[in-house]
Amino acid sequence: MKPSTDRILTSHVGSLPRPDGVLRLIYPKETGQPYDHEAQARGMRNAVSDIVRRQSELGIDIVNDGEQTKPNFISYVRTRLGGFEIIEPAKRAPELTRDALAFPGFYDERAKETVIRRANRPMQIASLRMRCVGPVTYIGQGDLNADIAHLKAAVEASPAEEVFMTAISPSNLEHSHINEYYATGEEYLAALGEAMRVEYKAIVDAGFILQIDDPRLATHYDRTPGASIEECRRVMAQKVEALNHSLRGIPEDRVRFHTCYSTNIAPRMHDLELKHYVDLMLNVRAGAYSFEAANPRHEHEWQVWEDVNLPAGKLIMPGVVSHCVTLVEHPELVAQRIVRYADVVGRENVIAGNDCGFATSAVLDEVHPEIAWAKLQALTQGAMIASKHLWGIG
């Protein structure tokens, strides 16, 4: 990955708003309905081309496909992993998190609002759960190769400095899909890692930067009420070890790692503080690390890096615009956030990003598209201001 040698480079976490036309392409395939495969491929190719162009027009340096072809940043593996069967959609009890226990009234109201918002979407794509009933294998080469081909075609005429593609971590799959085949959780996690390794290697072999999406790492504490920080750290360390095994042999400087808190516009009072897991994050075999840094619960954590020794050759990609507040950050504030990190870890070691994806599911945009694009514009404008300050440009 390129460091910020003469200016602050910009990127984002991965998912970008999907227009209704893209949803119409995703819907029949994900719901098992007949569709025109050639028209679907052509439409997806155009959608990826459009999203790459829009990123470049905003000045984003390190671009991706916006996850336009995926129904969800986790459930996209439904067509890519063998050994599973789909569990019929059923109402699931809300997950008991520390925040949900602390603010039950808020979460009850938000659940009702979510039902209404989803009902107003033109199409519904269920986030289906699966259960493992046989050996886990990777069977998604067709979809993966199509994604790679669409992105390669889109960036041929792009001025982008680099290109990345996202893939989900084994531990998030382990949590999302039930194991009814392997004798232990460790065996199940290892099998998931071996299967996803096929995708990881293919992305890197295609010449792209591989981004591992692992919100579960930072989220584990909130999702396990009653567990101590040390108990959570032990589990998190095991997940990092498993991920590293699946990344073995892949050059670290071709991998970037993203973690976050898996929640959006919510109280966020029980997020695990960065100081309690930054060492575990840095143990991931990656060359860059993306984490939440702009929302009001974590903006102060730039100070953590005053006491952390960033390994040589590693980069950080702090979020400098947030997905959990609808206010669009002023570019001067974005610049201030960037400069804080640059002053602590070195300007060349900072890439400016956002806290989390703006549309992690085709079912529901977490952030309204108009706001998402305005925030990315503020990101690039802020990076320009920060670059002038840090390099004395202009």
Protein backbone atom coordinates (compact mmCIF):
# COMPACT_ATOMS: atom_id res chain seq x y z
CA MET A 1 0.00 0.00 0.00
CA LYS A 2 1.16 3.47 -0.80
CA PRO A 3 2.01 5.72 2.14
CA SER A 4 1.08 9.39 2.09
CA THR A 5 4.45 10.54 0.80
CA ASP A 6 3.61 14.01 -0.52
CA ARG A 7 0.00 14.51 0.64
CA ILE A 8 -2.63 12.76 2.73
CA LEU A 9 -4.21 9.98 0.71
CA THR A 10 -7.92 9.27 1.12
CA SER A 11 -10.06 6.15 1.08
CA HIS A 12 -13.18 4.79 2.79
CA VAL A 13 -14.36 1.60 4.48
CA GLY A 14 -16.07 -0.01 1.50
CA SER A 15 -19.85 0.03 1.24
CA LEU A 16 -21.40 2.93 -0.65
CA PRO A 17 -25.06 3.73 -1.40
CA ARG A 18 -26.74 1.46 -3.94
CA PRO A 19 -29.18 3.19 -6.33
CA ASP A 20 -32.58 1.55 -6.82
CA GLY A 21 -31.38 0.29 -10.20
CA VAL A 22 -28.66 -1.72 -8.46
CA LEU A 23 -31.19 -3.13 -5.98
CA ARG A 24 -33.26 -4.36 -8.92
CA LEU A 25 -30.20 -6.23 -10.18
CA ILE A 26 -29.47 -7.80 -6.80
CA TYR A 27 -33.04 -8.70 -5.87
CA PRO A 28 -33.91 -11.57 -8.26
CA LYS A 29 -30.59 -13.33 -7.81
CA GLU A 30 -30.71 -13.16 -4.03
CA THR A 31 -34.35 -14.26 -3.84
CA GLY A 32 -33.97 -17.18 -6.23
CA GLN A 33 -36.11 -15.71 -9.01
CA PRO A 34 -35.33 -16.16 -12.72
CA TYR A 35 -33.37 -13.32 -14.27
CA ASP A 36 -31.41 -12.43 -17.40
CA HIS A 37 -27.83 -13.30 -16.48
CA GLU A 38 -26.28 -11.27 -19.28
CA ALA A 39 -28.34 -8.21 -18.45
CA GLN A 40 -27.52 -8.60 -14.76
CA ALA A 41 -23.79 -8.82 -15.48
CA ARG A 42 -23.96 -5.82 -17.81
CA GLY A 43 -25.89 -3.81 -15.24
CA MET A 44 -23.47 -4.66 -12.45
CA ARG A 45 -20.50 -3.77 -14.63
CA ASN A 46 -22.06 -0.36 -15.31
CA ALA A 47 -22.92 0.13 -11.63
CA VAL A 48 -19.34 -0.55 -10.55
CA SER A 49 -18.05 1.76 -13.28
CA ASP A 50 -20.38 4.52 -12.06
CA ILE A 51 -19.39 4.13 -8.41
CA VAL A 52 -15.66 4.16 -9.21
CA ARG A 53 -16.10 7.26 -11.34
CA ARG A 54 -18.02 9.04 -8.60
CA GLN A 55 -15.33 8.26 -6.02
CA SER A 56 -12.67 9.66 -8.34
CA GLU A 57 -14.72 12.78 -9.04
CA LEU A 58 -14.81 13.45 -5.30
CA GLY A 59 -11.05 13.03 -5.06
CA ILE A 60 -10.93 9.65 -3.29
CA ASP A 61 -7.48 8.18 -3.95
CA ILE A 62 -7.98 4.52 -2.98
CA VAL A 63 -11.26 3.29 -4.46
CA ASN A 64 -13.32 0.12 -4.60
CA ASP A 65 -16.53 -1.25 -6.12
CA GLY A 66 -18.68 0.19 -3.32
CA GLU A 67 -19.87 -3.39 -2.65
CA GLN A 68 -22.50 -2.75 -5.31
CA THR A 69 -22.82 -6.44 -6.20
CA LYS A 70 -23.30 -7.60 -2.60
CA PRO A 71 -26.59 -7.76 -0.72
CA ASN A 72 -24.82 -7.42 2.60
CA PHE A 73 -21.22 -7.26 3.78
CA ILE A 74 -21.64 -10.64 5.53
CA SER A 75 -24.51 -12.49 3.84
CA TYR A 76 -22.94 -12.25 0.38
CA VAL A 77 -21.17 -15.53 1.20
CA ARG A 78 -24.50 -17.36 0.92
CA THR A 79 -23.62 -18.15 -2.71
CA ARG A 80 -19.91 -18.55 -2.07
CA LEU A 81 -19.61 -21.17 0.68
CA GLY A 82 -20.56 -24.82 0.39
CA GLY A 83 -21.54 -26.98 3.34
CA PHE A 84 -24.43 -24.76 4.44
CA GLU A 85 -28.18 -24.70 4.16
CA ILE A 86 -30.36 -21.65 4.59
CA ILE A 87 -32.47 -21.33 7.70
CA GLU A 88 -35.99 -20.24 6.90
CA PRO A 89 -36.45 -16.56 7.76
CA ALA A 90 -37.87 -16.17 11.23
CA LYS A 91 -38.16 -13.41 13.73
CA ARG A 92 -35.03 -13.32 15.82
CA ALA A 93 -34.98 -11.97 19.33
CA PRO A 94 -32.97 -8.75 19.50
CA GLU A 95 -29.38 -9.42 20.51
CA LEU A 96 -28.80 -8.47 24.12
CA THR A 97 -25.95 -6.01 24.12
CA ARG A 98 -24.66 -3.82 26.90
CA ASP A 99 -26.16 -0.78 25.20
CA ALA A 100 -29.51 -2.49 24.60
CA LEU A 101 -29.70 -3.39 28.28
CA ALA A 102 -28.77 0.15 29.30
CA PHE A 103 -31.20 1.88 26.90
CA PRO A 104 -34.16 -0.51 26.37
CA GLY A 105 -36.64 2.24 25.50
CA PHE A 106 -34.44 3.62 22.74
CA TYR A 107 -33.79 0.21 21.20
CA ASP A 108 -37.48 -0.73 21.26
CA GLU A 109 -38.36 2.46 19.40
CA ARG A 110 -35.54 2.00 16.90
CA ALA A 111 -36.68 -1.56 16.15
CA LYS A 112 -40.17 -0.28 15.30
CA GLU A 113 -38.77 2.51 13.13
CA THR A 114 -36.56 0.03 11.27
CA VAL A 115 -39.56 -2.15 10.42
CA ILE A 116 -41.35 0.88 8.96
CA ARG A 117 -38.32 2.03 6.97
CA ARG A 118 -37.75 -1.42 5.52
CA ALA A 119 -41.41 -1.66 4.55
CA ASN A 120 -40.97 1.48 2.47
CA ARG A 121 -38.07 0.05 0.48
CA PRO A 122 -39.03 -0.90 -3.09
CA MET A 123 -37.65 -4.43 -2.59
CA GLN A 124 -36.82 -6.58 0.37
CA ILE A 125 -33.72 -8.77 0.46
CA ALA A 126 -33.59 -10.87 3.59
CA SER A 127 -30.34 -11.20 5.52
CA LEU A 128 -30.64 -14.97 5.69
CA ARG A 129 -28.88 -17.05 8.30
CA MET A 130 -27.33 -20.39 7.42
CA ARG A 131 -26.34 -23.49 9.29
CA CYS A 132 -23.27 -25.56 8.57
CA VAL A 133 -24.25 -29.17 7.80
CA GLY A 134 -21.12 -30.39 6.00
CA PRO A 135 -17.49 -29.55 5.23
CA VAL A 136 -17.06 -25.84 4.48
CA THR A 137 -15.77 -25.24 0.97
CA TYR A 138 -15.43 -22.22 -1.30
CA ILE A 139 -17.77 -22.44 -4.29
CA GLY A 140 -18.08 -18.77 -5.17
CA GLN A 141 -15.40 -18.51 -7.84
CA GLY A 142 -17.93 -17.41 -10.45
CA ASP A 143 -19.28 -14.49 -8.41
CA LEU A 144 -15.81 -13.57 -7.20
CA ASN A 145 -14.32 -13.58 -10.70
CA ALA A 146 -17.20 -11.43 -11.93
CA ASP A 147 -16.61 -8.92 -9.12
CA ILE A 148 -12.92 -8.78 -9.95
CA ALA A 149 -13.59 -8.34 -13.67
CA HIS A 150 -16.12 -5.53 -13.06
CA LEU A 151 -13.69 -3.65 -10.83
CA LYS A 152 -10.73 -4.12 -13.18
CA ALA A 153 -12.75 -2.72 -16.07
CA ALA A 154 -13.95 0.20 -13.97
CA VAL A 155 -10.49 1.35 -12.88
CA GLU A 156 -8.82 1.13 -16.30
CA ALA A 157 -9.46 4.82 -16.92
CA SER A 158 -9.51 5.86 -13.27
CA PRO A 159 -6.92 8.21 -11.76
CA ALA A 160 -7.07 6.21 -8.51
CA GLU A 161 -3.80 5.70 -6.68
CA GLU A 162 -4.82 2.19 -5.59
CA VAL A 163 -7.80 -0.16 -5.61
CA PHE A 164 -9.17 -2.34 -2.81
CA MET A 165 -11.81 -5.03 -2.44
CA THR A 166 -13.51 -6.11 0.77
CA ALA A 167 -14.00 -9.61 2.20
CA ILE A 168 -15.52 -10.75 5.48
CA SER A 169 -13.44 -12.26 8.30
CA PRO A 170 -13.95 -15.88 9.46
CA SER A 171 -14.97 -14.82 12.97
CA ASN A 172 -17.90 -12.76 11.69
CA LEU A 173 -19.13 -15.75 9.70
CA GLU A 174 -18.73 -17.98 12.73
CA HIS A 175 -20.95 -15.65 14.73
CA SER A 176 -23.56 -15.19 12.00
CA HIS A 177 -24.08 -18.79 10.88
CA ILE A 178 -24.76 -21.79 13.11
CA ASN A 179 -22.37 -24.76 13.28
CA GLU A 180 -24.10 -28.15 13.23
CA TYR A 181 -21.25 -30.14 11.67
CA TYR A 182 -17.87 -29.51 13.32
CA ALA A 183 -17.12 -30.96 16.73
CA THR A 184 -15.74 -27.72 18.14
CA GLY A 185 -15.98 -24.01 17.49
CA GLU A 186 -12.24 -23.94 16.84
CA GLU A 187 -12.58 -26.48 14.03
CA TYR A 188 -15.49 -24.56 12.54
CA LEU A 189 -13.60 -21.25 12.63
CA ALA A 190 -10.53 -22.88 11.04
CA ALA A 191 -12.67 -24.33 8.25
CA LEU A 192 -14.24 -20.97 7.55
CA GLY A 193 -10.77 -19.42 7.43
CA GLU A 194 -9.51 -21.98 4.93
CA ALA A 195 -12.52 -21.45 2.69
CA MET A 196 -12.31 -17.64 2.80
CA ARG A 197 -8.58 -17.86 2.12
CA VAL A 198 -9.50 -18.71 -1.48
CA GLU A 199 -11.23 -15.34 -1.78
CA TYR A 200 -8.46 -13.47 0.02
CA LYS A 201 -5.76 -14.85 -2.28
CA ALA A 202 -7.78 -14.22 -5.43
CA ILE A 203 -8.29 -10.56 -4.54
CA VAL A 204 -4.58 -10.02 -3.94
CA ASP A 205 -3.59 -12.05 -7.01
CA ALA A 206 -5.86 -9.77 -9.06
CA GLY A 207 -3.67 -6.83 -8.05
CA PHE A 208 -6.07 -5.30 -5.52
CA ILE A 209 -5.56 -4.44 -1.89
CA LEU A 210 -7.50 -6.90 0.27
CA GLN A 211 -9.58 -5.34 3.03
CA ILE A 212 -10.64 -7.71 5.79
CA ASP A 213 -13.91 -6.58 7.39
CA ASP A 214 -13.98 -7.64 11.03
CA PRO A 215 -16.46 -5.56 13.05
CA ARG A 216 -16.79 -8.42 15.52
CA LEU A 217 -13.32 -7.75 16.93
CA ALA A 218 -14.18 -4.35 18.42
CA THR A 219 -17.85 -5.24 18.94
CA HIS A 220 -17.34 -8.42 20.96
CA TYR A 221 -17.31 -6.62 24.30
CA ASP A 222 -20.66 -4.89 23.76
CA ARG A 223 -22.19 -8.13 22.43
CA THR A 224 -21.19 -10.19 25.50
CA PRO A 225 -22.77 -8.56 28.57
CA GLY A 226 -21.27 -9.86 31.78
CA ALA A 227 -17.88 -10.74 30.30
CA SER A 228 -14.89 -8.85 31.63
CA ILE A 229 -12.48 -6.95 29.41
CA GLU A 230 -9.82 -9.60 29.99
CA GLU A 231 -12.21 -12.41 29.10
CA CYS A 232 -13.12 -10.59 25.91
CA ARG A 233 -9.48 -9.96 25.07
CA ARG A 234 -8.72 -13.68 25.29
CA VAL A 235 -11.52 -14.46 22.83
CA MET A 236 -10.45 -11.63 20.55
CA ALA A 237 -6.86 -12.89 20.56
CA GLN A 238 -8.08 -16.32 19.42
CA LYS A 239 -10.00 -14.75 16.55
CA VAL A 240 -6.95 -12.75 15.47
CA GLU A 241 -4.85 -15.91 15.50
CA ALA A 242 -7.40 -17.69 13.32
CA LEU A 243 -7.53 -14.78 10.88
CA ASN A 244 -3.76 -14.65 10.66
CA HIS A 245 -3.69 -18.33 9.77
CA SER A 246 -6.05 -17.70 6.87
CA LEU A 247 -3.84 -14.79 5.74
CA ARG A 248 -0.60 -16.80 5.87
CA GLY A 249 1.64 -16.26 2.87
CA ILE A 250 -0.28 -13.18 1.70
CA PRO A 251 2.03 -10.12 1.80
CA GLU A 252 1.05 -7.91 4.72
CA ASP A 253 1.46 -4.78 2.64
CA ARG A 254 -1.36 -6.01 0.38
CA VAL A 255 -3.82 -6.31 3.28
CA ARG A 256 -5.69 -3.72 5.28
CA PHE A 257 -7.86 -4.52 8.28
CA HIS A 258 -11.09 -2.83 9.33
CA THR A 259 -12.91 -3.12 12.63
CA CYS A 260 -15.73 -1.07 14.10
CA TYR A 261 -18.60 -1.27 16.58
CA SER A 262 -21.36 -2.70 14.38
CA THR A 263 -23.85 -0.05 15.49
CA ASN A 264 -24.77 3.23 13.96
CA ILE A 265 -27.03 5.97 15.31
CA ALA A 266 -27.27 4.70 18.88
CA PRO A 267 -26.11 5.66 22.40
CA ARG A 268 -22.77 3.83 21.93
CA MET A 269 -22.03 4.15 25.65
CA HIS A 270 -20.52 0.66 25.97
CA ASP A 271 -18.12 0.51 23.03
CA LEU A 272 -14.86 -1.13 23.97
CA GLU A 273 -12.24 1.61 24.22
CA LEU A 274 -9.41 1.50 21.69
CA LYS A 275 -6.79 1.31 24.43
CA HIS A 276 -8.17 -2.10 25.41
CA TYR A 277 -7.68 -3.76 22.02
CA VAL A 278 -5.25 -1.71 19.92
CA ASP A 279 -2.45 -4.22 20.57
CA LEU A 280 -4.66 -7.08 19.37
CA MET A 281 -5.60 -5.15 16.24
CA LEU A 282 -1.95 -4.49 15.44
CA ASN A 283 -1.27 -8.23 15.71
CA VAL A 284 -3.35 -8.82 12.57
CA ARG A 285 -1.14 -9.62 9.57
CA ALA A 286 -1.96 -6.40 7.73
CA GLY A 287 -0.20 -3.30 6.49
CA ALA A 288 -2.92 -0.80 7.43
CA TYR A 289 -5.61 -0.58 10.09
CA SER A 290 -9.00 1.14 9.76
CA PHE A 291 -10.95 2.03 12.90
CA GLU A 292 -13.59 4.43 14.21
CA ALA A 293 -12.12 7.77 15.24
CA ALA A 294 -14.59 10.51 14.30
CA ASN A 295 -17.75 9.79 16.26
CA PRO A 296 -18.21 11.55 19.63
CA ARG A 297 -17.50 8.37 21.58
CA HIS A 298 -14.05 7.87 20.08
CA GLU A 299 -12.72 11.17 18.72
CA HIS A 300 -10.52 11.63 21.79
CA GLU A 301 -8.74 8.33 21.17
CA TRP A 302 -6.11 9.82 18.90
CA GLN A 303 -4.22 10.25 22.17
CA VAL A 304 -3.94 6.46 22.49
CA TRP A 305 -1.38 6.53 19.70
CA GLU A 306 0.93 8.66 21.82
CA ASP A 307 1.60 5.51 23.85
CA VAL A 308 1.43 2.98 21.01
CA ASN A 309 4.48 2.08 18.96
CA LEU A 310 3.18 1.79 15.40
CA PRO A 311 5.35 -0.91 13.79
CA ALA A 312 7.63 0.21 10.99
CA GLY A 313 6.01 0.04 7.59
CA LYS A 314 2.48 0.00 9.01
CA LEU A 315 -0.20 2.58 8.23
CA ILE A 316 -3.36 3.67 10.02
CA MET A 317 -6.62 4.76 8.44
CA PRO A 318 -8.60 6.53 11.17
CA GLY A 319 -12.15 7.56 10.43
CA VAL A 320 -12.24 11.34 10.08
CA VAL A 321 -15.92 11.48 9.09
CA SER A 322 -18.54 9.47 10.94
CA HIS A 323 -21.41 7.26 9.84
CA CYS A 324 -23.30 7.59 13.14
CA VAL A 325 -24.07 11.33 13.02
CA THR A 326 -25.98 12.98 10.20
CA LEU A 327 -24.19 16.30 10.54
CA VAL A 328 -21.74 16.73 7.68
CA GLU A 329 -18.34 17.52 9.13
CA HIS A 330 -16.71 20.83 8.21
CA PRO A 331 -13.55 20.27 6.13
CA GLU A 332 -11.51 22.27 8.66
CA LEU A 333 -12.58 19.85 11.41
CA VAL A 334 -11.68 16.91 9.18
CA ALA A 335 -8.26 18.48 8.62
CA GLN A 336 -7.75 18.94 12.36
CA ARG A 337 -8.53 15.27 12.95
CA ILE A 338 -6.04 14.21 10.28
CA VAL A 339 -3.30 16.48 11.61
CA ARG A 340 -3.66 15.09 15.14
CA TYR A 341 -2.90 11.60 13.90
CA ALA A 342 -0.14 12.77 11.57
CA ASP A 343 1.57 14.61 14.42
CA VAL A 344 1.54 11.45 16.53
CA VAL A 345 2.42 8.64 14.08
CA GLY A 346 3.93 10.58 11.17
CA ARG A 347 2.16 12.15 8.21
CA GLU A 348 3.33 9.43 5.81
CA ASN A 349 1.66 6.77 7.96
CA VAL A 350 -1.88 8.22 7.81
CA ILE A 351 -4.59 7.56 5.23
CA ALA A 352 -7.82 9.48 5.81
CA GLY A 353 -10.95 7.32 5.89
CA ASN A 354 -14.42 7.11 7.38
CA ASP A 355 -15.59 5.29 10.49
CA CYS A 356 -17.66 2.57 8.85
CA GLY A 357 -19.57 1.72 5.70
CA PHE A 358 -22.39 3.99 4.60
CA ALA A 359 -24.56 1.17 3.20
CA THR A 360 -23.50 -2.17 4.64
CA SER A 361 -26.77 -3.78 3.52
CA ALA A 362 -28.87 -3.49 0.40
CA VAL A 363 -31.91 -3.72 2.66
CA LEU A 364 -31.34 -0.38 4.33
CA ASP A 365 -28.92 2.52 3.92
CA GLU A 366 -27.47 3.39 7.32
CA VAL A 367 -26.74 6.87 6.02
CA HIS A 368 -28.89 8.69 3.45
CA PRO A 369 -27.04 8.69 0.12
CA GLU A 370 -27.02 12.50 -0.09
CA ILE A 371 -25.33 12.70 3.30
CA ALA A 372 -22.90 9.89 2.53
CA TRP A 373 -21.59 11.61 -0.59
CA ALA A 374 -21.40 14.97 1.20
CA LYS A 375 -19.34 13.38 3.95
CA LEU A 376 -16.92 11.87 1.43
CA GLN A 377 -16.55 15.29 -0.16
CA ALA A 378 -15.77 16.77 3.26
CA LEU A 379 -13.22 13.98 3.70
CA THR A 380 -11.30 14.86 0.54
CA GLN A 381 -11.54 18.60 1.17
CA GLY A 382 -10.26 18.12 4.70
CA ALA A 383 -7.38 15.99 3.43
CA MET A 384 -6.38 18.80 1.06
CA ILE A 385 -6.35 21.31 3.92
CA ALA A 386 -4.36 18.94 6.12
CA SER A 387 -1.86 18.31 3.32
CA LYS A 388 -1.25 22.04 2.93
CA HIS A 389 -0.54 22.26 6.63
CA LEU A 390 1.61 19.13 6.87
CA TRP A 391 3.68 19.64 3.69
CA GLY A 392 3.51 23.43 3.44
CA ILE A 393 1.74 23.18 0.09
CA GLY A 394 0.37 26.42 -1.37
